[in-house]
Amino acid sequence: MVDHLAELEARLAGQEPQPDHWHASVTTTPADLAPFTTEDLDEARSRLVRLGRIWADRLGALSDAQLDRSPGPGWSFRLLAAHVAGSLDYYAGAIGRLGAAANPEDQV
């Protein structure tokens, strides 16, 4: 979500988007498998809600013409937003249920 939002903002500003050098779902790092506590989940939810609000505010401020005829190369902003929305279920399914921790009450 952050990478696509950065692309949208750069293109609106007439700038070249910064390459993200991210390997997407091709690579799983140890950080992807790190323990995740209840407090971590609470913080992640808070951040994702705020990030979702930024997306909604930005897209809501664009006209239909801006959504469909976005500046620079790449998908229209409408298609970019649809891609982000469609990716959420994919990533949630790819992660699946998190494994058991030493103290199951501390891990979600």
PDB file of N, CA and C in Angstrom:
ATOM      1  N   MET A   1       0.815  -1.195   0.000  1.00  0.00           N
ATOM      2  CA  MET A   1       0.000   0.000   0.000  1.00  0.00           C
ATOM      3  C   MET A   1       0.859   1.260   0.000  1.00  0.00           C
ATOM      4  N   VAL A   2       1.938   1.236   0.766  1.00  0.00           N
ATOM      5  CA  VAL A   2       2.807   2.414   0.851  1.00  0.00           C
ATOM      6  C   VAL A   2       3.487   2.663  -0.485  1.00  0.00           C
ATOM      7  N   ASP A   3       3.969   1.586  -1.127  1.00  0.00           N
ATOM      8  CA  ASP A   3       4.669   1.744  -2.400  1.00  0.00           C
ATOM      9  C   ASP A   3       3.759   2.346  -3.472  1.00  0.00           C
ATOM     10  N   HIS A   4       2.535   1.864  -3.541  1.00  0.00           N
ATOM     11  CA  HIS A   4       1.602   2.380  -4.551  1.00  0.00           C
ATOM     12  C   HIS A   4       1.166   3.809  -4.233  1.00  0.00           C
ATOM     13  N   LEU A   5       1.010   4.128  -2.963  1.00  0.00           N
ATOM     14  CA  LEU A   5       0.672   5.502  -2.585  1.00  0.00           C
ATOM     15  C   LEU A   5       1.822   6.448  -2.937  1.00  0.00           C
ATOM     16  N   ALA A   6       3.058   6.001  -2.717  1.00  0.00           N
ATOM     17  CA  ALA A   6       4.216   6.818  -3.081  1.00  0.00           C
ATOM     18  C   ALA A   6       4.257   7.053  -4.593  1.00  0.00           C
ATOM     19  N   GLU A   7       3.918   6.034  -5.380  1.00  0.00           N
ATOM     20  CA  GLU A   7       3.861   6.193  -6.840  1.00  0.00           C
ATOM     21  C   GLU A   7       2.806   7.222  -7.226  1.00  0.00           C
ATOM     22  N   LEU A   8       1.614   7.101  -6.650  1.00  0.00           N
ATOM     23  CA  LEU A   8       0.535   8.026  -6.958  1.00  0.00           C
ATOM     24  C   LEU A   8       0.946   9.462  -6.643  1.00  0.00           C
ATOM     25  N   GLU A   9       1.511   9.678  -5.462  1.00  0.00           N
ATOM     26  CA  GLU A   9       1.900  11.033  -5.054  1.00  0.00           C
ATOM     27  C   GLU A   9       2.999  11.594  -5.954  1.00  0.00           C
ATOM     28  N   ALA A  10       3.989  10.791  -6.309  1.00  0.00           N
ATOM     29  CA  ALA A  10       5.060  11.266  -7.188  1.00  0.00           C
ATOM     30  C   ALA A  10       4.503  11.659  -8.547  1.00  0.00           C
ATOM     31  N   ARG A  11       3.644  10.828  -9.110  1.00  0.00           N
ATOM     32  CA  ARG A  11       3.088  11.133 -10.422  1.00  0.00           C
ATOM     33  C   ARG A  11       2.222  12.382 -10.390  1.00  0.00           C
ATOM     34  N   LEU A  12       1.447  12.574  -9.325  1.00  0.00           N
ATOM     35  CA  LEU A  12       0.650  13.791  -9.208  1.00  0.00           C
ATOM     36  C   LEU A  12       1.532  15.032  -9.122  1.00  0.00           C
ATOM     37  N   ALA A  13       2.699  14.886  -8.517  1.00  0.00           N
ATOM     38  CA  ALA A  13       3.627  16.006  -8.381  1.00  0.00           C
ATOM     39  C   ALA A  13       4.506  16.183  -9.616  1.00  0.00           C
ATOM     40  N   GLY A  14       4.280  15.351 -10.639  1.00  0.00           N
ATOM     41  CA  GLY A  14       5.071  15.457 -11.861  1.00  0.00           C
ATOM     42  C   GLY A  14       6.476  14.904 -11.716  1.00  0.00           C
ATOM     43  N   GLN A  15       6.677  14.048 -10.740  1.00  0.00           N
ATOM     44  CA  GLN A  15       7.988  13.456 -10.490  1.00  0.00           C
ATOM     45  C   GLN A  15       8.008  11.999 -10.928  1.00  0.00           C
ATOM     46  N   GLU A  16       9.207  11.502 -11.155  1.00  0.00           N
ATOM     47  CA  GLU A  16       9.396  10.085 -11.451  1.00  0.00           C
ATOM     48  C   GLU A  16       9.232   9.305 -10.137  1.00  0.00           C
ATOM     49  N   PRO A  17       8.388   8.268 -10.105  1.00  0.00           N
ATOM     50  CA  PRO A  17       8.258   7.491  -8.870  1.00  0.00           C
ATOM     51  C   PRO A  17       9.593   6.858  -8.464  1.00  0.00           C
ATOM     52  N   GLN A  18       9.849   6.813  -7.185  1.00  0.00           N
ATOM     53  CA  GLN A  18      11.055   6.195  -6.643  1.00  0.00           C
ATOM     54  C   GLN A  18      10.927   4.682  -6.773  1.00  0.00           C
ATOM     55  N   PRO A  19      11.900   4.018  -7.413  1.00  0.00           N
ATOM     56  CA  PRO A  19      11.809   2.551  -7.487  1.00  0.00           C
ATOM     57  C   PRO A  19      11.817   1.951  -6.084  1.00  0.00           C
ATOM     58  N   ASP A  20      11.005   0.925  -5.866  1.00  0.00           N
ATOM     59  CA  ASP A  20      10.927   0.359  -4.523  1.00  0.00           C
ATOM     60  C   ASP A  20      11.909  -0.792  -4.290  1.00  0.00           C
ATOM     61  N   HIS A  21      12.443  -1.398  -5.327  1.00  0.00           N
ATOM     62  CA  HIS A  21      13.413  -2.499  -5.211  1.00  0.00           C
ATOM     63  C   HIS A  21      12.896  -3.623  -4.331  1.00  0.00           C
ATOM     64  N   TRP A  22      11.597  -3.787  -4.295  1.00  0.00           N
ATOM     65  CA  TRP A  22      10.965  -4.795  -3.457  1.00  0.00           C
ATOM     66  C   TRP A  22      10.728  -6.032  -4.291  1.00  0.00           C
ATOM     67  N   HIS A  23      10.903  -7.188  -3.698  1.00  0.00           N
ATOM     68  CA  HIS A  23      10.764  -8.445  -4.422  1.00  0.00           C
ATOM     69  C   HIS A  23       9.382  -9.063  -4.278  1.00  0.00           C
ATOM     70  N   ALA A  24       8.474  -8.312  -3.719  1.00  0.00           N
ATOM     71  CA  ALA A  24       7.072  -8.735  -3.560  1.00  0.00           C
ATOM     72  C   ALA A  24       6.994 -10.088  -2.875  1.00  0.00           C
ATOM     73  N   SER A  25       6.097 -10.922  -3.337  1.00  0.00           N
ATOM     74  CA  SER A  25       5.885 -12.203  -2.675  1.00  0.00           C
ATOM     75  C   SER A  25       6.890 -13.261  -3.108  1.00  0.00           C
ATOM     76  N   VAL A  26       7.915 -12.876  -3.855  1.00  0.00           N
ATOM     77  CA  VAL A  26       8.948 -13.811  -4.294  1.00  0.00           C
ATOM     78  C   VAL A  26       9.868 -14.171  -3.130  1.00  0.00           C
ATOM     79  N   THR A  27      10.000 -13.279  -2.158  1.00  0.00           N
ATOM     80  CA  THR A  27      10.937 -13.461  -1.065  1.00  0.00           C
ATOM     81  C   THR A  27      10.220 -13.412   0.279  1.00  0.00           C
ATOM     82  N   THR A  28      10.565 -14.337   1.147  1.00  0.00           N
ATOM     83  CA  THR A  28      10.102 -14.302   2.533  1.00  0.00           C
ATOM     84  C   THR A  28      11.339 -14.127   3.401  1.00  0.00           C
ATOM     85  N   THR A  29      11.341 -13.089   4.207  1.00  0.00           N
ATOM     86  CA  THR A  29      12.482 -12.815   5.077  1.00  0.00           C
ATOM     87  C   THR A  29      12.161 -13.254   6.504  1.00  0.00           C
ATOM     88  N   PRO A  30      13.182 -13.400   7.350  1.00  0.00           N
ATOM     89  CA  PRO A  30      12.916 -13.731   8.754  1.00  0.00           C
ATOM     90  C   PRO A  30      11.975 -12.728   9.424  1.00  0.00           C
ATOM     91  N   ALA A  31      12.044 -11.473   9.022  1.00  0.00           N
ATOM     92  CA  ALA A  31      11.144 -10.465   9.601  1.00  0.00           C
ATOM     93  C   ALA A  31       9.681 -10.779   9.290  1.00  0.00           C
ATOM     94  N   ASP A  32       9.426 -11.414   8.146  1.00  0.00           N
ATOM     95  CA  ASP A  32       8.055 -11.790   7.791  1.00  0.00           C
ATOM     96  C   ASP A  32       7.499 -12.844   8.745  1.00  0.00           C
ATOM     97  N   LEU A  33       8.379 -13.591   9.386  1.00  0.00           N
ATOM     98  CA  LEU A  33       7.967 -14.688  10.255  1.00  0.00           C
ATOM     99  C   LEU A  33       8.161 -14.377  11.739  1.00  0.00           C
ATOM    100  N   ALA A  34       8.465 -13.144  12.058  1.00  0.00           N
ATOM    101  CA  ALA A  34       8.732 -12.755  13.442  1.00  0.00           C
ATOM    102  C   ALA A  34       7.481 -12.906  14.306  1.00  0.00           C
ATOM    103  N   PRO A  35       7.671 -13.182  15.603  1.00  0.00           N
ATOM    104  CA  PRO A  35       6.520 -13.259  16.506  1.00  0.00           C
ATOM    105  C   PRO A  35       5.727 -11.951  16.483  1.00  0.00           C
ATOM    106  N   PHE A  36       4.431 -12.063  16.652  1.00  0.00           N
ATOM    107  CA  PHE A  36       3.527 -10.919  16.546  1.00  0.00           C
ATOM    108  C   PHE A  36       2.618 -10.958  17.756  1.00  0.00           C
ATOM    109  N   THR A  37       2.816 -10.038  18.673  1.00  0.00           N
ATOM    110  CA  THR A  37       2.042 -10.032  19.912  1.00  0.00           C
ATOM    111  C   THR A  37       0.710  -9.317  19.731  1.00  0.00           C
ATOM    112  N   THR A  38      -0.116  -9.401  20.739  1.00  0.00           N
ATOM    113  CA  THR A  38      -1.386  -8.689  20.729  1.00  0.00           C
ATOM    114  C   THR A  38      -1.159  -7.183  20.608  1.00  0.00           C
ATOM    115  N   GLU A  39      -0.126  -6.680  21.304  1.00  0.00           N
ATOM    116  CA  GLU A  39       0.202  -5.253  21.210  1.00  0.00           C
ATOM    117  C   GLU A  39       0.669  -4.888  19.802  1.00  0.00           C
ATOM    118  N   ASP A  40       1.436  -5.783  19.160  1.00  0.00           N
ATOM    119  CA  ASP A  40       1.862  -5.556  17.781  1.00  0.00           C
ATOM    120  C   ASP A  40       0.648  -5.467  16.858  1.00  0.00           C
ATOM    121  N   LEU A  41      -0.308  -6.356  17.066  1.00  0.00           N
ATOM    122  CA  LEU A  41      -1.515  -6.349  16.248  1.00  0.00           C
ATOM    123  C   LEU A  41      -2.283  -5.046  16.430  1.00  0.00           C
ATOM    124  N   ASP A  42      -2.397  -4.589  17.667  1.00  0.00           N
ATOM    125  CA  ASP A  42      -3.095  -3.331  17.931  1.00  0.00           C
ATOM    126  C   ASP A  42      -2.416  -2.171  17.207  1.00  0.00           C
ATOM    127  N   GLU A  43      -1.092  -2.109  17.262  1.00  0.00           N
ATOM    128  CA  GLU A  43      -0.362  -1.032  16.582  1.00  0.00           C
ATOM    129  C   GLU A  43      -0.489  -1.150  15.067  1.00  0.00           C
ATOM    130  N   ALA A  44      -0.391  -2.372  14.549  1.00  0.00           N
ATOM    131  CA  ALA A  44      -0.520  -2.575  13.105  1.00  0.00           C
ATOM    132  C   ALA A  44      -1.902  -2.153  12.615  1.00  0.00           C
ATOM    133  N   ARG A  45      -2.931  -2.525  13.363  1.00  0.00           N
ATOM    134  CA  ARG A  45      -4.292  -2.112  12.981  1.00  0.00           C
ATOM    135  C   ARG A  45      -4.411  -0.597  12.954  1.00  0.00           C
ATOM    136  N   SER A  46      -3.864   0.051  13.972  1.00  0.00           N
ATOM    137  CA  SER A  46      -3.927   1.508  14.042  1.00  0.00           C
ATOM    138  C   SER A  46      -3.241   2.142  12.842  1.00  0.00           C
ATOM    139  N   ARG A  47      -2.068   1.654  12.504  1.00  0.00           N
ATOM    140  CA  ARG A  47      -1.332   2.206  11.360  1.00  0.00           C
ATOM    141  C   ARG A  47      -2.040   1.934  10.053  1.00  0.00           C
ATOM    142  N   LEU A  48      -2.589   0.736   9.900  1.00  0.00           N
ATOM    143  CA  LEU A  48      -3.275   0.413   8.651  1.00  0.00           C
ATOM    144  C   LEU A  48      -4.563   1.204   8.492  1.00  0.00           C
ATOM    145  N   VAL A  49      -5.259   1.457   9.580  1.00  0.00           N
ATOM    146  CA  VAL A  49      -6.464   2.308   9.510  1.00  0.00           C
ATOM    147  C   VAL A  49      -6.077   3.708   9.053  1.00  0.00           C
ATOM    148  N   ARG A  50      -4.988   4.252   9.618  1.00  0.00           N
ATOM    149  CA  ARG A  50      -4.542   5.594   9.203  1.00  0.00           C
ATOM    150  C   ARG A  50      -4.096   5.593   7.741  1.00  0.00           C
ATOM    151  N   LEU A  51      -3.390   4.556   7.316  1.00  0.00           N
ATOM    152  CA  LEU A  51      -2.959   4.469   5.925  1.00  0.00           C
ATOM    153  C   LEU A  51      -4.161   4.366   4.992  1.00  0.00           C
ATOM    154  N   GLY A  52      -5.157   3.588   5.375  1.00  0.00           N
ATOM    155  CA  GLY A  52      -6.385   3.495   4.582  1.00  0.00           C
ATOM    156  C   GLY A  52      -7.084   4.843   4.467  1.00  0.00           C
ATOM    157  N   ARG A  53      -7.072   5.614   5.555  1.00  0.00           N
ATOM    158  CA  ARG A  53      -7.691   6.951   5.541  1.00  0.00           C
ATOM    159  C   ARG A  53      -6.940   7.871   4.583  1.00  0.00           C
ATOM    160  N   ILE A  54      -5.609   7.781   4.563  1.00  0.00           N
ATOM    161  CA  ILE A  54      -4.827   8.597   3.627  1.00  0.00           C
ATOM    162  C   ILE A  54      -5.208   8.253   2.192  1.00  0.00           C
ATOM    163  N   TRP A  55      -5.313   6.958   1.877  1.00  0.00           N
ATOM    164  CA  TRP A  55      -5.716   6.530   0.537  1.00  0.00           C
ATOM    165  C   TRP A  55      -7.104   7.088   0.201  1.00  0.00           C
ATOM    166  N   ALA A  56      -8.053   6.929   1.112  1.00  0.00           N
ATOM    167  CA  ALA A  56      -9.424   7.391   0.859  1.00  0.00           C
ATOM    168  C   ALA A  56      -9.464   8.898   0.650  1.00  0.00           C
ATOM    169  N   ASP A  57      -8.732   9.638   1.477  1.00  0.00           N
ATOM    170  CA  ASP A  57      -8.711  11.095   1.331  1.00  0.00           C
ATOM    171  C   ASP A  57      -8.090  11.509   0.006  1.00  0.00           C
ATOM    172  N   ARG A  58      -6.979  10.890  -0.363  1.00  0.00           N
ATOM    173  CA  ARG A  58      -6.296  11.245  -1.609  1.00  0.00           C
ATOM    174  C   ARG A  58      -7.167  10.922  -2.805  1.00  0.00           C
ATOM    175  N   LEU A  59      -7.706   9.708  -2.861  1.00  0.00           N
ATOM    176  CA  LEU A  59      -8.526   9.321  -4.006  1.00  0.00           C
ATOM    177  C   LEU A  59      -9.815  10.133  -4.065  1.00  0.00           C
ATOM    178  N   GLY A  60     -10.388  10.453  -2.917  1.00  0.00           N
ATOM    179  CA  GLY A  60     -11.608  11.249  -2.875  1.00  0.00           C
ATOM    180  C   GLY A  60     -11.403  12.670  -3.364  1.00  0.00           C
ATOM    181  N   ALA A  61     -10.172  13.156  -3.306  1.00  0.00           N
ATOM    182  CA  ALA A  61      -9.879  14.515  -3.757  1.00  0.00           C
ATOM    183  C   ALA A  61      -9.649  14.592  -5.272  1.00  0.00           C
ATOM    184  N   LEU A  62      -9.546  13.448  -5.934  1.00  0.00           N
ATOM    185  CA  LEU A  62      -9.302  13.430  -7.379  1.00  0.00           C
ATOM    186  C   LEU A  62     -10.618  13.374  -8.143  1.00  0.00           C
ATOM    187  N   SER A  63     -10.659  14.054  -9.275  1.00  0.00           N
ATOM    188  CA  SER A  63     -11.839  14.002 -10.141  1.00  0.00           C
ATOM    189  C   SER A  63     -11.851  12.676 -10.908  1.00  0.00           C
ATOM    190  N   ASP A  64     -12.971  12.352 -11.519  1.00  0.00           N
ATOM    191  CA  ASP A  64     -13.037  11.141 -12.347  1.00  0.00           C
ATOM    192  C   ASP A  64     -11.996  11.196 -13.466  1.00  0.00           C
ATOM    193  N   ALA A  65     -11.812  12.378 -14.048  1.00  0.00           N
ATOM    194  CA  ALA A  65     -10.819  12.516 -15.125  1.00  0.00           C
ATOM    195  C   ALA A  65      -9.420  12.230 -14.609  1.00  0.00           C
ATOM    196  N   GLN A  66      -9.090  12.714 -13.413  1.00  0.00           N
ATOM    197  CA  GLN A  66      -7.770  12.446 -12.848  1.00  0.00           C
ATOM    198  C   GLN A  66      -7.603  10.963 -12.519  1.00  0.00           C
ATOM    199  N   LEU A  67      -8.654  10.326 -12.060  1.00  0.00           N
ATOM    200  CA  LEU A  67      -8.576   8.900 -11.749  1.00  0.00           C
ATOM    201  C   LEU A  67      -8.356   8.066 -13.001  1.00  0.00           C
ATOM    202  N   ASP A  68      -8.981   8.483 -14.109  1.00  0.00           N
ATOM    203  CA  ASP A  68      -8.924   7.696 -15.341  1.00  0.00           C
ATOM    204  C   ASP A  68      -7.798   8.090 -16.284  1.00  0.00           C
ATOM    205  N   ARG A  69      -7.297   9.304 -16.194  1.00  0.00           N
ATOM    206  CA  ARG A  69      -6.219   9.759 -17.077  1.00  0.00           C
ATOM    207  C   ARG A  69      -5.075  10.293 -16.221  1.00  0.00           C
ATOM    208  N   SER A  70      -4.428   9.385 -15.524  1.00  0.00           N
ATOM    209  CA  SER A  70      -3.364   9.745 -14.588  1.00  0.00           C
ATOM    210  C   SER A  70      -2.105  10.174 -15.324  1.00  0.00           C
ATOM    211  N   PRO A  71      -1.343  11.105 -14.746  1.00  0.00           N
ATOM    212  CA  PRO A  71      -0.108  11.552 -15.389  1.00  0.00           C
ATOM    213  C   PRO A  71       0.982  10.480 -15.330  1.00  0.00           C
ATOM    214  N   GLY A  72       1.842  10.503 -16.327  1.00  0.00           N
ATOM    215  CA  GLY A  72       2.993   9.607 -16.347  1.00  0.00           C
ATOM    216  C   GLY A  72       2.636   8.193 -16.754  1.00  0.00           C
ATOM    217  N   PRO A  73       3.668   7.381 -16.919  1.00  0.00           N
ATOM    218  CA  PRO A  73       3.433   5.988 -17.312  1.00  0.00           C
ATOM    219  C   PRO A  73       2.884   5.181 -16.143  1.00  0.00           C
ATOM    220  N   GLY A  74       2.200   4.119 -16.460  1.00  0.00           N
ATOM    221  CA  GLY A  74       1.662   3.243 -15.423  1.00  0.00           C
ATOM    222  C   GLY A  74       0.153   3.191 -15.490  1.00  0.00           C
ATOM    223  N   TRP A  75      -0.406   2.420 -14.582  1.00  0.00           N
ATOM    224  CA  TRP A  75      -1.849   2.275 -14.519  1.00  0.00           C
ATOM    225  C   TRP A  75      -2.505   3.603 -14.192  1.00  0.00           C
ATOM    226  N   SER A  76      -3.775   3.725 -14.585  1.00  0.00           N
ATOM    227  CA  SER A  76      -4.539   4.883 -14.121  1.00  0.00           C
ATOM    228  C   SER A  76      -4.656   4.765 -12.605  1.00  0.00           C
ATOM    229  N   PHE A  77      -4.919   5.884 -11.949  1.00  0.00           N
ATOM    230  CA  PHE A  77      -5.058   5.839 -10.496  1.00  0.00           C
ATOM    231  C   PHE A  77      -6.247   4.980 -10.076  1.00  0.00           C
ATOM    232  N   ARG A  78      -7.276   4.928 -10.904  1.00  0.00           N
ATOM    233  CA  ARG A  78      -8.422   4.075 -10.598  1.00  0.00           C
ATOM    234  C   ARG A  78      -8.001   2.605 -10.611  1.00  0.00           C
ATOM    235  N   LEU A  79      -7.214   2.207 -11.612  1.00  0.00           N
ATOM    236  CA  LEU A  79      -6.728   0.825 -11.668  1.00  0.00           C
ATOM    237  C   LEU A  79      -5.745   0.538 -10.534  1.00  0.00           C
ATOM    238  N   LEU A  80      -4.911   1.504 -10.207  1.00  0.00           N
ATOM    239  CA  LEU A  80      -3.967   1.345  -9.103  1.00  0.00           C
ATOM    240  C   LEU A  80      -4.721   1.107  -7.795  1.00  0.00           C
ATOM    241  N   ALA A  81      -5.770   1.868  -7.552  1.00  0.00           N
ATOM    242  CA  ALA A  81      -6.575   1.697  -6.340  1.00  0.00           C
ATOM    243  C   ALA A  81      -7.264   0.331  -6.334  1.00  0.00           C
ATOM    244  N   ALA A  82      -7.770  -0.101  -7.477  1.00  0.00           N
ATOM    245  CA  ALA A  82      -8.415  -1.416  -7.560  1.00  0.00           C
ATOM    246  C   ALA A  82      -7.400  -2.526  -7.298  1.00  0.00           C
ATOM    247  N   HIS A  83      -6.184  -2.358  -7.787  1.00  0.00           N
ATOM    248  CA  HIS A  83      -5.125  -3.341  -7.548  1.00  0.00           C
ATOM    249  C   HIS A  83      -4.817  -3.448  -6.055  1.00  0.00           C
ATOM    250  N   VAL A  84      -4.676  -2.306  -5.388  1.00  0.00           N
ATOM    251  CA  VAL A  84      -4.392  -2.310  -3.950  1.00  0.00           C
ATOM    252  C   VAL A  84      -5.534  -3.000  -3.206  1.00  0.00           C
ATOM    253  N   ALA A  85      -6.769  -2.655  -3.535  1.00  0.00           N
ATOM    254  CA  ALA A  85      -7.922  -3.254  -2.864  1.00  0.00           C
ATOM    255  C   ALA A  85      -7.970  -4.766  -3.096  1.00  0.00           C
ATOM    256  N   GLY A  86      -7.672  -5.200  -4.315  1.00  0.00           N
ATOM    257  CA  GLY A  86      -7.706  -6.628  -4.627  1.00  0.00           C
ATOM    258  C   GLY A  86      -6.558  -7.412  -4.026  1.00  0.00           C
ATOM    259  N   SER A  87      -5.464  -6.741  -3.705  1.00  0.00           N
ATOM    260  CA  SER A  87      -4.295  -7.417  -3.152  1.00  0.00           C
ATOM    261  C   SER A  87      -4.459  -7.793  -1.690  1.00  0.00           C
ATOM    262  N   LEU A  88      -5.334  -7.109  -0.984  1.00  0.00           N
ATOM    263  CA  LEU A  88      -5.468  -7.341   0.452  1.00  0.00           C
ATOM    264  C   LEU A  88      -5.855  -8.774   0.768  1.00  0.00           C
ATOM    265  N   ASP A  89      -6.841  -9.311   0.063  1.00  0.00           N
ATOM    266  CA  ASP A  89      -7.251 -10.694   0.311  1.00  0.00           C
ATOM    267  C   ASP A  89      -6.147 -11.669  -0.057  1.00  0.00           C
ATOM    268  N   TYR A  90      -5.406 -11.382  -1.116  1.00  0.00           N
ATOM    269  CA  TYR A  90      -4.316 -12.263  -1.528  1.00  0.00           C
ATOM    270  C   TYR A  90      -3.265 -12.371  -0.424  1.00  0.00           C
ATOM    271  N   TYR A  91      -2.825 -11.231   0.090  1.00  0.00           N
ATOM    272  CA  TYR A  91      -1.773 -11.251   1.106  1.00  0.00           C
ATOM    273  C   TYR A  91      -2.264 -11.859   2.413  1.00  0.00           C
ATOM    274  N   ALA A  92      -3.478 -11.586   2.805  1.00  0.00           N
ATOM    275  CA  ALA A  92      -4.019 -12.195   4.023  1.00  0.00           C
ATOM    276  C   ALA A  92      -4.075 -13.714   3.870  1.00  0.00           C
ATOM    277  N   GLY A  93      -4.490 -14.197   2.704  1.00  0.00           N
ATOM    278  CA  GLY A  93      -4.536 -15.641   2.457  1.00  0.00           C
ATOM    279  C   GLY A  93      -3.161 -16.263   2.388  1.00  0.00           C
ATOM    280  N   ALA A  94      -2.202 -15.532   1.833  1.00  0.00           N
ATOM    281  CA  ALA A  94      -0.844 -16.053   1.716  1.00  0.00           C
ATOM    282  C   ALA A  94      -0.197 -16.210   3.088  1.00  0.00           C
ATOM    283  N   ILE A  95      -0.510 -15.305   4.000  1.00  0.00           N
ATOM    284  CA  ILE A  95       0.060 -15.383   5.341  1.00  0.00           C
ATOM    285  C   ILE A  95      -0.607 -16.495   6.130  1.00  0.00           C
ATOM    286  N   GLY A  96      -1.917 -16.610   6.021  1.00  0.00           N
ATOM    287  CA  GLY A  96      -2.635 -17.640   6.756  1.00  0.00           C
ATOM    288  C   GLY A  96      -2.649 -17.365   8.244  1.00  0.00           C
ATOM    289  N   ARG A  97      -3.035 -18.364   8.989  1.00  0.00           N
ATOM    290  CA  ARG A  97      -3.094 -18.233  10.442  1.00  0.00           C
ATOM    291  C   ARG A  97      -1.683 -18.294  10.982  1.00  0.00           C
ATOM    292  N   LEU A  98      -1.362 -17.370  11.877  1.00  0.00           N
ATOM    293  CA  LEU A  98      -0.033 -17.331  12.458  1.00  0.00           C
ATOM    294  C   LEU A  98       0.146 -18.486  13.426  1.00  0.00           C
ATOM    295  N   GLY A  99       1.387 -19.002  13.510  1.00  0.00           N
ATOM    296  CA  GLY A  99       1.688 -20.157  14.352  1.00  0.00           C
ATOM    297  C   GLY A  99       1.624 -19.855  15.831  1.00  0.00           C
ATOM    298  N   ALA A 100       1.725 -20.916  16.616  1.00  0.00           N
ATOM    299  CA  ALA A 100       1.650 -20.795  18.073  1.00  0.00           C
ATOM    300  C   ALA A 100       2.954 -20.251  18.637  1.00  0.00           C
ATOM    301  N   ALA A 101       2.848 -19.426  19.652  1.00  0.00           N
ATOM    302  CA  ALA A 101       3.999 -18.875  20.363  1.00  0.00           C
ATOM    303  C   ALA A 101       4.183 -19.649  21.655  1.00  0.00           C
ATOM    304  N   ALA A 102       5.276 -19.374  22.352  1.00  0.00           N
ATOM    305  CA  ALA A 102       5.509 -19.988  23.642  1.00  0.00           C
ATOM    306  C   ALA A 102       4.353 -19.674  24.588  1.00  0.00           C
ATOM    307  N   ASN A 103       3.850 -18.466  24.518  1.00  0.00           N
ATOM    308  CA  ASN A 103       2.690 -18.056  25.292  1.00  0.00           C
ATOM    309  C   ASN A 103       1.600 -17.674  24.292  1.00  0.00           C
ATOM    310  N   PRO A 104       0.673 -18.587  23.972  1.00  0.00           N
ATOM    311  CA  PRO A 104      -0.326 -18.326  22.925  1.00  0.00           C
ATOM    312  C   PRO A 104      -1.138 -17.064  23.128  1.00  0.00           C
ATOM    313  N   GLU A 105      -1.286 -16.602  24.375  1.00  0.00           N
ATOM    314  CA  GLU A 105      -2.048 -15.368  24.605  1.00  0.00           C
ATOM    315  C   GLU A 105      -1.307 -14.137  24.112  1.00  0.00           C
ATOM    316  N   ASP A 106       0.021 -14.257  23.910  1.00  0.00           N
ATOM    317  CA  ASP A 106       0.822 -13.114  23.465  1.00  0.00           C
ATOM    318  C   ASP A 106       0.948 -13.029  21.950  1.00  0.00           C
ATOM    319  N   GLN A 107       0.483 -14.041  21.237  1.00  0.00           N
ATOM    320  CA  GLN A 107       0.622 -14.041  19.791  1.00  0.00           C
ATOM    321  C   GLN A 107      -0.740 -14.155  19.152  1.00  0.00           C
ATOM    322  N   VAL A 108      -0.892 -13.429  18.041  1.00  0.00           N
ATOM    323  CA  VAL A 108      -2.157 -13.423  17.317  1.00  0.00           C
ATOM    324  C   VAL A 108      -2.013 -14.274  16.088  1.00  0.00           C
TER     325      VAL A 108
END
